[in-house]
Amino acid sequence: MSIRFDKGMKTREAVLGSDYLNKVKRNISKFDKNFQELITEYVWGSIWSNDNISKRERSMLTIAILASQGNIDELKLHLQACKNTNTSRDDLIEVMMHVAIYSGIPKANTAIKLIKEELKDWK
């Protein structure tokens, strides 16, 4: 593999957690091997490994985009990652306020319900 792939795996694990990453690795098949390599190198090895903005800020941007597009499964994953990126509940409601204004109240409302459910154990 490439240096970017290795860096991507480290970043992916730091953000999403080793349990999640181990599950992904176990489930890679011949069918999606190239796809997993692509997202590991480019999403995690390039975008998420870039230090121009913090993991917290990147997490907030990702959540806003996913909520705006209604990508619920990916949104759930990135909400759990907030614990690893130091993204707070206060950060998330601010993000949802922006989603409401720029993408629509129904999208924000759906995402807020999901956030409350996914993060109900947060203090």
N, C-alpha and C. Protein backbone atom coordinates (compact mmCIF):
# COMPACT_ATOMS: atom_id res chain seq x y z
N MET A 1 0.83 -1.19 0.00
CA MET A 1 0.00 0.00 0.00
C MET A 1 0.88 1.26 0.00
N SER A 2 0.24 2.39 -0.12
CA SER A 2 0.96 3.66 -0.21
C SER A 2 1.11 4.31 1.18
N ILE A 3 1.94 5.31 1.22
CA ILE A 3 2.11 6.09 2.45
C ILE A 3 0.79 6.76 2.82
N ARG A 4 0.08 7.28 1.80
CA ARG A 4 -1.20 7.93 2.05
C ARG A 4 -2.23 6.94 2.60
N PHE A 5 -2.20 5.70 2.12
CA PHE A 5 -3.11 4.67 2.63
C PHE A 5 -2.81 4.40 4.11
N ASP A 6 -1.53 4.23 4.43
CA ASP A 6 -1.15 3.97 5.83
C ASP A 6 -1.56 5.13 6.74
N LYS A 7 -1.32 6.34 6.27
CA LYS A 7 -1.71 7.53 7.04
C LYS A 7 -3.23 7.55 7.20
N GLY A 8 -3.94 7.22 6.13
CA GLY A 8 -5.39 7.18 6.15
C GLY A 8 -5.93 6.17 7.15
N MET A 9 -5.32 5.00 7.22
CA MET A 9 -5.76 3.98 8.18
C MET A 9 -5.58 4.48 9.61
N LYS A 10 -4.47 5.15 9.88
CA LYS A 10 -4.24 5.68 11.22
C LYS A 10 -5.27 6.76 11.57
N THR A 11 -5.52 7.65 10.64
CA THR A 11 -6.49 8.71 10.88
C THR A 11 -7.90 8.14 11.01
N ARG A 12 -8.23 7.21 10.14
CA ARG A 12 -9.56 6.58 10.18
C ARG A 12 -9.80 5.91 11.52
N GLU A 13 -8.79 5.23 12.03
CA GLU A 13 -8.91 4.58 13.34
C GLU A 13 -9.04 5.60 14.45
N ALA A 14 -8.26 6.68 14.38
CA ALA A 14 -8.31 7.71 15.42
C ALA A 14 -9.68 8.38 15.47
N VAL A 15 -10.29 8.59 14.32
CA VAL A 15 -11.57 9.29 14.27
C VAL A 15 -12.74 8.34 14.53
N LEU A 16 -12.75 7.20 13.87
CA LEU A 16 -13.90 6.29 13.95
C LEU A 16 -13.78 5.22 15.02
N GLY A 17 -12.56 4.98 15.49
CA GLY A 17 -12.35 3.98 16.53
C GLY A 17 -11.90 2.64 15.97
N SER A 18 -11.13 1.93 16.77
CA SER A 18 -10.58 0.65 16.31
C SER A 18 -11.65 -0.42 16.15
N ASP A 19 -12.69 -0.41 16.99
CA ASP A 19 -13.76 -1.40 16.84
C ASP A 19 -14.42 -1.28 15.47
N TYR A 20 -14.75 -0.05 15.09
CA TYR A 20 -15.39 0.17 13.80
C TYR A 20 -14.45 -0.23 12.67
N LEU A 21 -13.20 0.20 12.75
CA LEU A 21 -12.26 -0.09 11.68
C LEU A 21 -11.99 -1.58 11.54
N ASN A 22 -11.90 -2.29 12.66
CA ASN A 22 -11.72 -3.74 12.60
C ASN A 22 -12.90 -4.42 11.92
N LYS A 23 -14.10 -3.94 12.18
CA LYS A 23 -15.30 -4.47 11.52
C LYS A 23 -15.23 -4.23 10.01
N VAL A 24 -14.82 -3.02 9.63
CA VAL A 24 -14.68 -2.71 8.20
C VAL A 24 -13.68 -3.66 7.56
N LYS A 25 -12.54 -3.82 8.19
CA LYS A 25 -11.49 -4.69 7.64
C LYS A 25 -12.00 -6.12 7.47
N ARG A 26 -12.72 -6.63 8.46
CA ARG A 26 -13.26 -8.00 8.39
C ARG A 26 -14.26 -8.16 7.25
N ASN A 27 -14.95 -7.10 6.92
CA ASN A 27 -16.01 -7.18 5.92
C ASN A 27 -15.59 -6.80 4.50
N ILE A 28 -14.33 -6.42 4.31
CA ILE A 28 -13.87 -6.09 2.96
C ILE A 28 -13.86 -7.36 2.12
N SER A 29 -14.41 -7.25 0.94
CA SER A 29 -14.44 -8.38 0.02
C SER A 29 -13.75 -7.98 -1.28
N LYS A 30 -13.64 -8.92 -2.17
CA LYS A 30 -13.07 -8.64 -3.49
C LYS A 30 -13.89 -7.55 -4.18
N PHE A 31 -15.20 -7.57 -3.95
CA PHE A 31 -16.11 -6.60 -4.56
C PHE A 31 -15.78 -5.16 -4.17
N ASP A 32 -15.52 -4.89 -2.88
CA ASP A 32 -15.34 -3.51 -2.43
C ASP A 32 -13.92 -3.16 -2.01
N LYS A 33 -12.98 -4.05 -2.26
CA LYS A 33 -11.58 -3.80 -1.87
C LYS A 33 -11.05 -2.49 -2.46
N ASN A 34 -11.26 -2.27 -3.76
CA ASN A 34 -10.77 -1.05 -4.41
C ASN A 34 -11.46 0.20 -3.86
N PHE A 35 -12.74 0.08 -3.56
CA PHE A 35 -13.48 1.20 -2.98
C PHE A 35 -12.92 1.55 -1.60
N GLN A 36 -12.68 0.55 -0.78
CA GLN A 36 -12.12 0.79 0.56
C GLN A 36 -10.74 1.43 0.47
N GLU A 37 -9.94 1.00 -0.48
CA GLU A 37 -8.62 1.61 -0.68
C GLU A 37 -8.77 3.07 -1.10
N LEU A 38 -9.71 3.34 -1.99
CA LEU A 38 -9.96 4.70 -2.46
C LEU A 38 -10.34 5.62 -1.30
N ILE A 39 -11.33 5.22 -0.50
CA ILE A 39 -11.75 6.12 0.57
C ILE A 39 -10.70 6.22 1.67
N THR A 40 -9.93 5.16 1.89
CA THR A 40 -8.88 5.24 2.91
C THR A 40 -7.80 6.21 2.47
N GLU A 41 -7.40 6.16 1.22
CA GLU A 41 -6.36 7.06 0.73
C GLU A 41 -6.84 8.50 0.61
N TYR A 42 -7.98 8.70 -0.02
CA TYR A 42 -8.39 10.06 -0.35
C TYR A 42 -9.22 10.74 0.73
N VAL A 43 -10.18 10.02 1.30
CA VAL A 43 -10.98 10.64 2.37
C VAL A 43 -10.14 10.76 3.64
N TRP A 44 -9.55 9.64 4.05
CA TRP A 44 -8.85 9.60 5.34
C TRP A 44 -7.38 9.98 5.24
N GLY A 45 -6.70 9.61 4.16
CA GLY A 45 -5.27 9.91 4.02
C GLY A 45 -4.99 11.31 3.52
N SER A 46 -5.95 11.91 2.84
CA SER A 46 -5.77 13.27 2.32
C SER A 46 -6.61 14.29 3.08
N ILE A 47 -7.92 14.17 3.00
CA ILE A 47 -8.79 15.18 3.59
C ILE A 47 -8.73 15.18 5.12
N TRP A 48 -9.03 14.04 5.74
CA TRP A 48 -9.06 13.99 7.21
C TRP A 48 -7.67 14.06 7.84
N SER A 49 -6.62 13.77 7.09
CA SER A 49 -5.26 13.84 7.63
C SER A 49 -4.63 15.22 7.46
N ASN A 50 -5.30 16.10 6.74
CA ASN A 50 -4.81 17.45 6.53
C ASN A 50 -4.95 18.24 7.83
N ASP A 51 -3.90 18.92 8.22
CA ASP A 51 -3.90 19.65 9.49
C ASP A 51 -4.29 21.13 9.37
N ASN A 52 -4.79 21.55 8.22
CA ASN A 52 -5.16 22.96 8.06
C ASN A 52 -6.33 23.37 8.95
N ILE A 53 -7.22 22.43 9.24
CA ILE A 53 -8.26 22.67 10.24
C ILE A 53 -8.26 21.48 11.19
N SER A 54 -8.83 21.68 12.37
CA SER A 54 -8.80 20.63 13.39
C SER A 54 -9.77 19.49 13.06
N LYS A 55 -9.58 18.37 13.70
CA LYS A 55 -10.51 17.24 13.55
C LYS A 55 -11.91 17.66 14.02
N ARG A 56 -11.99 18.48 15.04
CA ARG A 56 -13.28 18.97 15.54
C ARG A 56 -13.98 19.78 14.45
N GLU A 57 -13.26 20.71 13.85
CA GLU A 57 -13.85 21.52 12.78
C GLU A 57 -14.24 20.65 11.59
N ARG A 58 -13.41 19.71 11.24
CA ARG A 58 -13.69 18.81 10.12
C ARG A 58 -14.93 17.97 10.43
N SER A 59 -15.04 17.53 11.66
CA SER A 59 -16.19 16.75 12.08
C SER A 59 -17.47 17.58 11.96
N MET A 60 -17.42 18.82 12.38
CA MET A 60 -18.58 19.70 12.30
C MET A 60 -18.99 19.93 10.84
N LEU A 61 -18.02 20.14 9.97
CA LEU A 61 -18.32 20.31 8.55
C LEU A 61 -18.95 19.05 7.97
N THR A 62 -18.39 17.91 8.30
CA THR A 62 -18.89 16.64 7.79
C THR A 62 -20.31 16.40 8.24
N ILE A 63 -20.58 16.66 9.49
CA ILE A 63 -21.93 16.46 10.02
C ILE A 63 -22.92 17.40 9.34
N ALA A 64 -22.52 18.63 9.13
CA ALA A 64 -23.41 19.58 8.44
C ALA A 64 -23.73 19.10 7.03
N ILE A 65 -22.73 18.64 6.32
CA ILE A 65 -22.95 18.18 4.94
C ILE A 65 -23.81 16.93 4.92
N LEU A 66 -23.50 15.98 5.78
CA LEU A 66 -24.29 14.74 5.81
C LEU A 66 -25.75 15.01 6.19
N ALA A 67 -25.95 15.87 7.18
CA ALA A 67 -27.32 16.22 7.58
C ALA A 67 -28.04 16.94 6.45
N SER A 68 -27.35 17.84 5.79
CA SER A 68 -27.95 18.59 4.69
C SER A 68 -28.37 17.70 3.53
N GLN A 69 -27.64 16.63 3.34
CA GLN A 69 -27.95 15.72 2.24
C GLN A 69 -28.85 14.56 2.66
N GLY A 70 -29.10 14.45 3.96
CA GLY A 70 -29.95 13.36 4.45
C GLY A 70 -29.27 12.01 4.45
N ASN A 71 -27.95 11.98 4.55
CA ASN A 71 -27.18 10.73 4.59
C ASN A 71 -27.13 10.19 6.01
N ILE A 72 -28.22 9.56 6.42
CA ILE A 72 -28.44 9.17 7.81
C ILE A 72 -27.42 8.15 8.32
N ASP A 73 -27.12 7.12 7.54
CA ASP A 73 -26.18 6.10 8.01
C ASP A 73 -24.79 6.68 8.26
N GLU A 74 -24.32 7.48 7.33
CA GLU A 74 -23.01 8.13 7.51
C GLU A 74 -23.06 9.15 8.64
N LEU A 75 -24.19 9.82 8.78
CA LEU A 75 -24.35 10.78 9.87
C LEU A 75 -24.24 10.08 11.22
N LYS A 76 -24.88 8.93 11.36
CA LYS A 76 -24.77 8.15 12.62
C LYS A 76 -23.30 7.83 12.92
N LEU A 77 -22.59 7.37 11.91
CA LEU A 77 -21.18 7.02 12.09
C LEU A 77 -20.38 8.23 12.56
N HIS A 78 -20.59 9.37 11.93
CA HIS A 78 -19.81 10.56 12.29
C HIS A 78 -20.25 11.18 13.60
N LEU A 79 -21.48 10.94 14.00
CA LEU A 79 -21.90 11.39 15.33
C LEU A 79 -21.15 10.61 16.40
N GLN A 80 -21.00 9.33 16.21
CA GLN A 80 -20.23 8.53 17.17
C GLN A 80 -18.77 8.97 17.19
N ALA A 81 -18.26 9.39 16.05
CA ALA A 81 -16.87 9.85 15.97
C ALA A 81 -16.64 11.16 16.72
N CYS A 82 -17.71 11.90 17.02
CA CYS A 82 -17.57 13.17 17.75
C CYS A 82 -16.84 12.97 19.07
N LYS A 83 -16.99 11.82 19.66
CA LYS A 83 -16.30 11.53 20.93
C LYS A 83 -14.79 11.55 20.74
N ASN A 84 -14.34 11.21 19.54
CA ASN A 84 -12.91 11.14 19.25
C ASN A 84 -12.37 12.44 18.66
N THR A 85 -13.26 13.33 18.24
CA THR A 85 -12.82 14.58 17.62
C THR A 85 -13.06 15.80 18.51
N ASN A 86 -13.50 15.55 19.72
CA ASN A 86 -13.79 16.63 20.68
C ASN A 86 -14.87 17.59 20.19
N THR A 87 -15.82 17.05 19.45
CA THR A 87 -16.97 17.83 19.00
C THR A 87 -18.05 17.70 20.07
N SER A 88 -18.48 18.82 20.61
CA SER A 88 -19.40 18.82 21.75
C SER A 88 -20.86 18.87 21.31
N ARG A 89 -21.74 18.65 22.25
CA ARG A 89 -23.17 18.81 22.00
C ARG A 89 -23.48 20.25 21.59
N ASP A 90 -22.82 21.19 22.23
CA ASP A 90 -23.01 22.61 21.86
C ASP A 90 -22.58 22.86 20.42
N ASP A 91 -21.47 22.25 20.02
CA ASP A 91 -21.03 22.36 18.62
C ASP A 91 -22.10 21.83 17.68
N LEU A 92 -22.66 20.69 18.05
CA LEU A 92 -23.63 20.03 17.17
C LEU A 92 -24.92 20.84 17.00
N ILE A 93 -25.39 21.47 18.06
CA ILE A 93 -26.61 22.27 17.90
C ILE A 93 -26.33 23.51 17.06
N GLU A 94 -25.14 24.07 17.17
CA GLU A 94 -24.77 25.20 16.31
C GLU A 94 -24.73 24.76 14.85
N VAL A 95 -24.18 23.59 14.60
CA VAL A 95 -24.15 23.05 13.24
C VAL A 95 -25.58 22.88 12.72
N MET A 96 -26.46 22.36 13.56
CA MET A 96 -27.84 22.13 13.13
C MET A 96 -28.58 23.44 12.87
N MET A 97 -28.22 24.50 13.60
CA MET A 97 -28.81 25.81 13.33
C MET A 97 -28.42 26.27 11.92
N HIS A 98 -27.17 26.03 11.54
CA HIS A 98 -26.73 26.38 10.19
C HIS A 98 -27.42 25.51 9.15
N VAL A 99 -27.55 24.23 9.44
CA VAL A 99 -28.24 23.33 8.52
C VAL A 99 -29.68 23.81 8.32
N ALA A 100 -30.33 24.20 9.40
CA ALA A 100 -31.72 24.66 9.30
C ALA A 100 -31.83 25.87 8.38
N ILE A 101 -30.93 26.82 8.53
CA ILE A 101 -31.00 28.04 7.73
C ILE A 101 -30.60 27.80 6.28
N TYR A 102 -29.53 27.06 6.06
CA TYR A 102 -28.99 26.93 4.71
C TYR A 102 -29.47 25.71 3.94
N SER A 103 -30.03 24.71 4.64
CA SER A 103 -30.48 23.50 3.95
C SER A 103 -31.93 23.16 4.23
N GLY A 104 -32.50 23.77 5.25
CA GLY A 104 -33.90 23.56 5.53
C GLY A 104 -34.16 22.98 6.90
N ILE A 105 -35.23 23.44 7.48
CA ILE A 105 -35.63 23.00 8.81
C ILE A 105 -35.91 21.50 8.86
N PRO A 106 -36.59 20.91 7.87
CA PRO A 106 -36.83 19.47 7.95
C PRO A 106 -35.55 18.64 8.03
N LYS A 107 -34.52 19.02 7.29
CA LYS A 107 -33.24 18.30 7.36
C LYS A 107 -32.63 18.43 8.75
N ALA A 108 -32.64 19.63 9.29
CA ALA A 108 -32.09 19.86 10.63
C ALA A 108 -32.90 19.13 11.68
N ASN A 109 -34.21 19.18 11.56
CA ASN A 109 -35.08 18.52 12.52
C ASN A 109 -34.82 17.02 12.55
N THR A 110 -34.71 16.40 11.39
CA THR A 110 -34.40 14.97 11.31
C THR A 110 -33.05 14.68 11.94
N ALA A 111 -32.05 15.50 11.64
CA ALA A 111 -30.72 15.29 12.19
C ALA A 111 -30.69 15.50 13.70
N ILE A 112 -31.42 16.48 14.21
CA ILE A 112 -31.46 16.72 15.65
C ILE A 112 -32.06 15.52 16.37
N LYS A 113 -33.12 14.95 15.82
CA LYS A 113 -33.70 13.74 16.42
C LYS A 113 -32.66 12.63 16.48
N LEU A 114 -31.92 12.47 15.40
CA LEU A 114 -30.89 11.44 15.35
C LEU A 114 -29.77 11.72 16.34
N ILE A 115 -29.35 12.97 16.43
CA ILE A 115 -28.29 13.35 17.38
C ILE A 115 -28.74 13.03 18.80
N LYS A 116 -29.95 13.39 19.14
CA LYS A 116 -30.45 13.13 20.49
C LYS A 116 -30.47 11.64 20.79
N GLU A 117 -30.83 10.84 19.82
CA GLU A 117 -30.86 9.39 20.01
C GLU A 117 -29.45 8.80 20.08
N GLU A 118 -28.62 9.16 19.16
CA GLU A 118 -27.27 8.59 19.09
C GLU A 118 -26.40 9.01 20.27
N LEU A 119 -26.62 10.20 20.79
CA LEU A 119 -25.74 10.73 21.84
C LEU A 119 -26.45 10.87 23.18
N LYS A 120 -27.51 10.09 23.39
CA LYS A 120 -28.29 10.22 24.63
C LYS A 120 -27.49 9.91 25.87
N ASP A 121 -26.41 9.18 25.76
CA ASP A 121 -25.58 8.83 26.92
C ASP A 121 -24.48 9.85 27.19
N TRP A 122 -24.35 10.86 26.35
CA TRP A 122 -23.34 11.89 26.58
C TRP A 122 -23.72 12.71 27.80
N LYS A 123 -22.74 13.11 28.54
CA LYS A 123 -22.96 13.96 29.71
C LYS A 123 -23.01 15.41 29.29
